[in-house]
Amino acid sequence: METPQDEAERRGIRSFGLAAQPRADLLAKVAELVDTGKLKVSVNRTFPLADVAAAMDFRLKTTAPGKIVLTIA
């Protein structure tokens, strides 16, 4: 998705966007694969939402596989 770059460039960053459409049928299929053990998600580490800066820092420094997860509680 193309996004305006003027303000981003002024701040020395590159901007991009992502668009997605909700697909209940695909979400149900993914849930089924997870429930049956055919799809597994590798979680590297979890952080509380309040520690989002630490999570981002960790993500940028690690090369270990797995998702970085923010928890909301």
PDB file of N, CA and C in Angstrom:
ATOM      1  N   MET A   1       0.849  -1.169   0.000  1.00  0.00           N
ATOM      2  CA  MET A   1       0.000   0.000   0.000  1.00  0.00           C
ATOM      3  C   MET A   1       0.896   1.233   0.000  1.00  0.00           C
ATOM      4  N   GLU A   2       0.624   2.122  -0.890  1.00  0.00           N
ATOM      5  CA  GLU A   2       1.407   3.351  -1.021  1.00  0.00           C
ATOM      6  C   GLU A   2       0.951   4.361   0.029  1.00  0.00           C
ATOM      7  N   THR A   3       1.887   4.994   0.697  1.00  0.00           N
ATOM      8  CA  THR A   3       1.559   6.010   1.700  1.00  0.00           C
ATOM      9  C   THR A   3       2.312   7.294   1.398  1.00  0.00           C
ATOM     10  N   PRO A   4       1.789   8.443   1.853  1.00  0.00           N
ATOM     11  CA  PRO A   4       2.499   9.707   1.644  1.00  0.00           C
ATOM     12  C   PRO A   4       3.864   9.681   2.330  1.00  0.00           C
ATOM     13  N   GLN A   5       4.884  10.117   1.633  1.00  0.00           N
ATOM     14  CA  GLN A   5       6.240  10.036   2.164  1.00  0.00           C
ATOM     15  C   GLN A   5       6.795  11.381   2.643  1.00  0.00           C
ATOM     16  N   ASP A   6       6.136  12.490   2.340  1.00  0.00           N
ATOM     17  CA  ASP A   6       6.696  13.811   2.660  1.00  0.00           C
ATOM     18  C   ASP A   6       7.047  13.947   4.141  1.00  0.00           C
ATOM     19  N   GLU A   7       6.077  13.715   5.010  1.00  0.00           N
ATOM     20  CA  GLU A   7       6.321  13.882   6.440  1.00  0.00           C
ATOM     21  C   GLU A   7       7.320  12.849   6.948  1.00  0.00           C
ATOM     22  N   ALA A   8       7.213  11.621   6.463  1.00  0.00           N
ATOM     23  CA  ALA A   8       8.150  10.581   6.875  1.00  0.00           C
ATOM     24  C   ALA A   8       9.578  10.963   6.494  1.00  0.00           C
ATOM     25  N   GLU A   9       9.752  11.403   5.269  1.00  0.00           N
ATOM     26  CA  GLU A   9      11.098  11.792   4.817  1.00  0.00           C
ATOM     27  C   GLU A   9      11.621  12.979   5.606  1.00  0.00           C
ATOM     28  N   ARG A  10      10.745  13.907   5.952  1.00  0.00           N
ATOM     29  CA  ARG A  10      11.158  15.060   6.751  1.00  0.00           C
ATOM     30  C   ARG A  10      11.706  14.615   8.108  1.00  0.00           C
ATOM     31  N   ARG A  11      11.164  13.524   8.610  1.00  0.00           N
ATOM     32  CA  ARG A  11      11.599  12.992   9.910  1.00  0.00           C
ATOM     33  C   ARG A  11      12.707  11.933   9.769  1.00  0.00           C
ATOM     34  N   GLY A  12      13.117  11.671   8.546  1.00  0.00           N
ATOM     35  CA  GLY A  12      14.191  10.712   8.318  1.00  0.00           C
ATOM     36  C   GLY A  12      13.781   9.260   8.419  1.00  0.00           C
ATOM     37  N   ILE A  13      12.512   8.981   8.150  1.00  0.00           N
ATOM     38  CA  ILE A  13      12.046   7.594   8.204  1.00  0.00           C
ATOM     39  C   ILE A  13      11.326   7.235   6.906  1.00  0.00           C
ATOM     40  N   ARG A  14      11.093   5.950   6.711  1.00  0.00           N
ATOM     41  CA  ARG A  14      10.340   5.464   5.559  1.00  0.00           C
ATOM     42  C   ARG A  14       9.011   4.937   6.069  1.00  0.00           C
ATOM     43  N   SER A  15       7.954   5.269   5.404  1.00  0.00           N
ATOM     44  CA  SER A  15       6.616   4.894   5.837  1.00  0.00           C
ATOM     45  C   SER A  15       6.006   3.905   4.852  1.00  0.00           C
ATOM     46  N   PHE A  16       5.214   2.974   5.371  1.00  0.00           N
ATOM     47  CA  PHE A  16       4.468   2.074   4.499  1.00  0.00           C
ATOM     48  C   PHE A  16       3.200   1.649   5.220  1.00  0.00           C
ATOM     49  N   GLY A  17       2.243   1.190   4.478  1.00  0.00           N
ATOM     50  CA  GLY A  17       0.984   0.746   5.049  1.00  0.00           C
ATOM     51  C   GLY A  17       0.660  -0.678   4.637  1.00  0.00           C
ATOM     52  N   LEU A  18      -0.277  -1.258   5.324  1.00  0.00           N
ATOM     53  CA  LEU A  18      -0.709  -2.616   5.050  1.00  0.00           C
ATOM     54  C   LEU A  18      -2.223  -2.655   5.188  1.00  0.00           C
ATOM     55  N   ALA A  19      -2.876  -3.215   4.232  1.00  0.00           N
ATOM     56  CA  ALA A  19      -4.326  -3.348   4.288  1.00  0.00           C
ATOM     57  C   ALA A  19      -4.689  -4.825   4.312  1.00  0.00           C
ATOM     58  N   ALA A  20      -5.706  -5.150   5.066  1.00  0.00           N
ATOM     59  CA  ALA A  20      -6.160  -6.535   5.145  1.00  0.00           C
ATOM     60  C   ALA A  20      -7.678  -6.554   5.248  1.00  0.00           C
ATOM     61  N   GLN A  21      -8.258  -7.609   4.770  1.00  0.00           N
ATOM     62  CA  GLN A  21      -9.702  -7.789   4.855  1.00  0.00           C
ATOM     63  C   GLN A  21      -9.984  -8.941   5.810  1.00  0.00           C
ATOM     64  N   PRO A  22     -10.978  -8.798   6.676  1.00  0.00           N
ATOM     65  CA  PRO A  22     -11.314  -9.904   7.585  1.00  0.00           C
ATOM     66  C   PRO A  22     -11.847 -11.103   6.804  1.00  0.00           C
ATOM     67  N   ARG A  23     -11.352 -12.270   7.155  1.00  0.00           N
ATOM     68  CA  ARG A  23     -11.787 -13.502   6.487  1.00  0.00           C
ATOM     69  C   ARG A  23     -12.071 -14.552   7.555  1.00  0.00           C
ATOM     70  N   ALA A  24     -13.309 -14.612   8.001  1.00  0.00           N
ATOM     71  CA  ALA A  24     -13.701 -15.546   9.048  1.00  0.00           C
ATOM     72  C   ALA A  24     -13.407 -16.990   8.648  1.00  0.00           C
ATOM     73  N   ASP A  25     -13.573 -17.313   7.371  1.00  0.00           N
ATOM     74  CA  ASP A  25     -13.333 -18.681   6.924  1.00  0.00           C
ATOM     75  C   ASP A  25     -11.863 -19.071   7.086  1.00  0.00           C
ATOM     76  N   LEU A  26     -10.954 -18.139   6.765  1.00  0.00           N
ATOM     77  CA  LEU A  26      -9.530 -18.435   6.918  1.00  0.00           C
ATOM     78  C   LEU A  26      -9.125 -18.496   8.388  1.00  0.00           C
ATOM     79  N   LEU A  27      -9.680 -17.601   9.200  1.00  0.00           N
ATOM     80  CA  LEU A  27      -9.386 -17.623  10.625  1.00  0.00           C
ATOM     81  C   LEU A  27      -9.857 -18.929  11.256  1.00  0.00           C
ATOM     82  N   ALA A  28     -11.018 -19.409  10.849  1.00  0.00           N
ATOM     83  CA  ALA A  28     -11.532 -20.683  11.357  1.00  0.00           C
ATOM     84  C   ALA A  28     -10.616 -21.835  10.954  1.00  0.00           C
ATOM     85  N   LYS A  29     -10.095 -21.803   9.732  1.00  0.00           N
ATOM     86  CA  LYS A  29      -9.183 -22.857   9.268  1.00  0.00           C
ATOM     87  C   LYS A  29      -7.884 -22.832  10.066  1.00  0.00           C
ATOM     88  N   VAL A  30      -7.348 -21.642  10.315  1.00  0.00           N
ATOM     89  CA  VAL A  30      -6.129 -21.524  11.122  1.00  0.00           C
ATOM     90  C   VAL A  30      -6.387 -22.048  12.533  1.00  0.00           C
ATOM     91  N   ALA A  31      -7.521 -21.679  13.122  1.00  0.00           N
ATOM     92  CA  ALA A  31      -7.865 -22.160  14.460  1.00  0.00           C
ATOM     93  C   ALA A  31      -7.947 -23.686  14.489  1.00  0.00           C
ATOM     94  N   GLU A  32      -8.520 -24.264  13.448  1.00  0.00           N
ATOM     95  CA  GLU A  32      -8.613 -25.724  13.353  1.00  0.00           C
ATOM     96  C   GLU A  32      -7.222 -26.356  13.290  1.00  0.00           C
ATOM     97  N   LEU A  33      -6.336 -25.773  12.498  1.00  0.00           N
ATOM     98  CA  LEU A  33      -4.971 -26.301  12.393  1.00  0.00           C
ATOM     99  C   LEU A  33      -4.228 -26.217  13.719  1.00  0.00           C
ATOM    100  N   VAL A  34      -4.426 -25.131  14.448  1.00  0.00           N
ATOM    101  CA  VAL A  34      -3.800 -24.991  15.767  1.00  0.00           C
ATOM    102  C   VAL A  34      -4.390 -26.018  16.723  1.00  0.00           C
ATOM    103  N   ASP A  35      -5.716 -26.133  16.745  1.00  0.00           N
ATOM    104  CA  ASP A  35      -6.385 -27.066  17.652  1.00  0.00           C
ATOM    105  C   ASP A  35      -5.982 -28.510  17.414  1.00  0.00           C
ATOM    106  N   THR A  36      -5.719 -28.886  16.169  1.00  0.00           N
ATOM    107  CA  THR A  36      -5.344 -30.265  15.856  1.00  0.00           C
ATOM    108  C   THR A  36      -3.836 -30.503  15.934  1.00  0.00           C
ATOM    109  N   GLY A  37      -3.088 -29.454  16.253  1.00  0.00           N
ATOM    110  CA  GLY A  37      -1.644 -29.592  16.386  1.00  0.00           C
ATOM    111  C   GLY A  37      -0.888 -29.589  15.070  1.00  0.00           C
ATOM    112  N   LYS A  38      -1.562 -29.285  13.972  1.00  0.00           N
ATOM    113  CA  LYS A  38      -0.902 -29.262  12.666  1.00  0.00           C
ATOM    114  C   LYS A  38      -0.172 -27.952  12.410  1.00  0.00           C
ATOM    115  N   LEU A  39      -0.510 -26.929  13.170  1.00  0.00           N
ATOM    116  CA  LEU A  39       0.152 -25.635  13.060  1.00  0.00           C
ATOM    117  C   LEU A  39       0.574 -25.208  14.447  1.00  0.00           C
ATOM    118  N   LYS A  40       1.847 -24.935  14.604  1.00  0.00           N
ATOM    119  CA  LYS A  40       2.374 -24.511  15.892  1.00  0.00           C
ATOM    120  C   LYS A  40       3.055 -23.159  15.731  1.00  0.00           C
ATOM    121  N   VAL A  41       2.836 -22.308  16.705  1.00  0.00           N
ATOM    122  CA  VAL A  41       3.440 -20.987  16.708  1.00  0.00           C
ATOM    123  C   VAL A  41       4.595 -21.004  17.703  1.00  0.00           C
ATOM    124  N   SER A  42       5.750 -20.556  17.245  1.00  0.00           N
ATOM    125  CA  SER A  42       6.928 -20.516  18.105  1.00  0.00           C
ATOM    126  C   SER A  42       7.007 -19.133  18.755  1.00  0.00           C
ATOM    127  N   VAL A  43       6.905 -19.110  20.085  1.00  0.00           N
ATOM    128  CA  VAL A  43       6.994 -17.860  20.832  1.00  0.00           C
ATOM    129  C   VAL A  43       8.380 -17.784  21.460  1.00  0.00           C
ATOM    130  N   ASN A  44       9.108 -16.742  21.134  1.00  0.00           N
ATOM    131  CA  ASN A  44      10.441 -16.530  21.686  1.00  0.00           C
ATOM    132  C   ASN A  44      10.350 -15.982  23.096  1.00  0.00           C
ATOM    133  N   ARG A  45       9.556 -14.912  23.257  1.00  0.00           N
ATOM    134  CA  ARG A  45       9.463 -14.246  24.555  1.00  0.00           C
ATOM    135  C   ARG A  45       8.191 -13.408  24.601  1.00  0.00           C
ATOM    136  N   THR A  46       7.646 -13.237  25.809  1.00  0.00           N
ATOM    137  CA  THR A  46       6.480 -12.381  25.988  1.00  0.00           C
ATOM    138  C   THR A  46       6.842 -11.183  26.862  1.00  0.00           C
ATOM    139  N   PHE A  47       6.166 -10.078  26.597  1.00  0.00           N
ATOM    140  CA  PHE A  47       6.339  -8.850  27.363  1.00  0.00           C
ATOM    141  C   PHE A  47       4.956  -8.282  27.666  1.00  0.00           C
ATOM    142  N   PRO A  48       4.774  -7.661  28.835  1.00  0.00           N
ATOM    143  CA  PRO A  48       3.516  -6.946  29.059  1.00  0.00           C
ATOM    144  C   PRO A  48       3.459  -5.721  28.148  1.00  0.00           C
ATOM    145  N   LEU A  49       2.268  -5.300  27.811  1.00  0.00           N
ATOM    146  CA  LEU A  49       2.097  -4.172  26.907  1.00  0.00           C
ATOM    147  C   LEU A  49       2.831  -2.929  27.407  1.00  0.00           C
ATOM    148  N   ALA A  50       2.908  -2.755  28.716  1.00  0.00           N
ATOM    149  CA  ALA A  50       3.598  -1.589  29.282  1.00  0.00           C
ATOM    150  C   ALA A  50       5.084  -1.579  28.935  1.00  0.00           C
ATOM    151  N   ASP A  51       5.645  -2.739  28.578  1.00  0.00           N
ATOM    152  CA  ASP A  51       7.070  -2.846  28.246  1.00  0.00           C
ATOM    153  C   ASP A  51       7.307  -2.936  26.743  1.00  0.00           C
ATOM    154  N   VAL A  52       6.455  -2.282  25.965  1.00  0.00           N
ATOM    155  CA  VAL A  52       6.562  -2.369  24.513  1.00  0.00           C
ATOM    156  C   VAL A  52       7.921  -1.886  24.015  1.00  0.00           C
ATOM    157  N   ALA A  53       8.503  -0.876  24.657  1.00  0.00           N
ATOM    158  CA  ALA A  53       9.820  -0.384  24.226  1.00  0.00           C
ATOM    159  C   ALA A  53      10.878  -1.459  24.432  1.00  0.00           C
ATOM    160  N   ALA A  54      10.831  -2.155  25.560  1.00  0.00           N
ATOM    161  CA  ALA A  54      11.784  -3.235  25.825  1.00  0.00           C
ATOM    162  C   ALA A  54      11.576  -4.387  24.842  1.00  0.00           C
ATOM    163  N   ALA A  55      10.336  -4.660  24.490  1.00  0.00           N
ATOM    164  CA  ALA A  55      10.039  -5.722  23.523  1.00  0.00           C
ATOM    165  C   ALA A  55      10.621  -5.382  22.166  1.00  0.00           C
ATOM    166  N   MET A  56      10.469  -4.138  21.756  1.00  0.00           N
ATOM    167  CA  MET A  56      11.002  -3.714  20.458  1.00  0.00           C
ATOM    168  C   MET A  56      12.517  -3.769  20.466  1.00  0.00           C
ATOM    169  N   ASP A  57      13.123  -3.336  21.554  1.00  0.00           N
ATOM    170  CA  ASP A  57      14.580  -3.395  21.681  1.00  0.00           C
ATOM    171  C   ASP A  57      15.066  -4.845  21.593  1.00  0.00           C
ATOM    172  N   PHE A  58      14.379  -5.747  22.297  1.00  0.00           N
ATOM    173  CA  PHE A  58      14.727  -7.168  22.260  1.00  0.00           C
ATOM    174  C   PHE A  58      14.599  -7.706  20.845  1.00  0.00           C
ATOM    175  N   ARG A  59      13.509  -7.363  20.169  1.00  0.00           N
ATOM    176  CA  ARG A  59      13.261  -7.844  18.805  1.00  0.00           C
ATOM    177  C   ARG A  59      14.366  -7.410  17.843  1.00  0.00           C
ATOM    178  N   LEU A  60      14.826  -6.178  18.010  1.00  0.00           N
ATOM    179  CA  LEU A  60      15.863  -5.664  17.118  1.00  0.00           C
ATOM    180  C   LEU A  60      17.230  -6.273  17.392  1.00  0.00           C
ATOM    181  N   LYS A  61      17.435  -6.779  18.594  1.00  0.00           N
ATOM    182  CA  LYS A  61      18.746  -7.321  18.976  1.00  0.00           C
ATOM    183  C   LYS A  61      18.860  -8.838  18.857  1.00  0.00           C
ATOM    184  N   THR A  62      17.737  -9.541  18.830  1.00  0.00           N
ATOM    185  CA  THR A  62      17.803 -11.003  18.813  1.00  0.00           C
ATOM    186  C   THR A  62      17.760 -11.558  17.388  1.00  0.00           C
ATOM    187  N   THR A  63      18.437 -12.658  17.209  1.00  0.00           N
ATOM    188  CA  THR A  63      18.347 -13.379  15.937  1.00  0.00           C
ATOM    189  C   THR A  63      17.661 -14.732  16.140  1.00  0.00           C
ATOM    190  N   ALA A  64      17.272 -15.003  17.378  1.00  0.00           N
ATOM    191  CA  ALA A  64      16.610 -16.268  17.698  1.00  0.00           C
ATOM    192  C   ALA A  64      15.226 -16.316  17.043  1.00  0.00           C
ATOM    193  N   PRO A  65      14.816 -17.486  16.585  1.00  0.00           N
ATOM    194  CA  PRO A  65      13.498 -17.597  15.954  1.00  0.00           C
ATOM    195  C   PRO A  65      12.371 -17.475  16.972  1.00  0.00           C
ATOM    196  N   GLY A  66      11.205 -17.198  16.485  1.00  0.00           N
ATOM    197  CA  GLY A  66      10.024 -17.139  17.340  1.00  0.00           C
ATOM    198  C   GLY A  66       9.452 -15.746  17.412  1.00  0.00           C
ATOM    199  N   LYS A  67       8.194 -15.704  17.744  1.00  0.00           N
ATOM    200  CA  LYS A  67       7.470 -14.437  17.835  1.00  0.00           C
ATOM    201  C   LYS A  67       7.737 -13.751  19.162  1.00  0.00           C
ATOM    202  N   ILE A  68       7.692 -12.432  19.121  1.00  0.00           N
ATOM    203  CA  ILE A  68       7.720 -11.623  20.328  1.00  0.00           C
ATOM    204  C   ILE A  68       6.265 -11.235  20.583  1.00  0.00           C
ATOM    205  N   VAL A  69       5.752 -11.557  21.754  1.00  0.00           N
ATOM    206  CA  VAL A  69       4.324 -11.390  22.039  1.00  0.00           C
ATOM    207  C   VAL A  69       4.134 -10.339  23.125  1.00  0.00           C
ATOM    208  N   LEU A  70       3.192  -9.426  22.883  1.00  0.00           N
ATOM    209  CA  LEU A  70       2.788  -8.456  23.897  1.00  0.00           C
ATOM    210  C   LEU A  70       1.530  -8.977  24.565  1.00  0.00           C
ATOM    211  N   THR A  71       1.524  -9.023  25.891  1.00  0.00           N
ATOM    212  CA  THR A  71       0.360  -9.508  26.618  1.00  0.00           C
ATOM    213  C   THR A  71      -0.445  -8.332  27.138  1.00  0.00           C
ATOM    214  N   ILE A  72      -1.739  -8.476  27.106  1.00  0.00           N
ATOM    215  CA  ILE A  72      -2.669  -7.475  27.600  1.00  0.00           C
ATOM    216  C   ILE A  72      -3.453  -8.114  28.721  1.00  0.00           C
ATOM    217  N   ALA A  73      -3.286  -7.598  29.913  1.00  0.00           N
ATOM    218  CA  ALA A  73      -4.004  -8.175  31.059  1.00  0.00           C
ATOM    219  C   ALA A  73      -4.472  -7.105  32.004  1.00  0.00           C
TER     220      ALA A  73
END
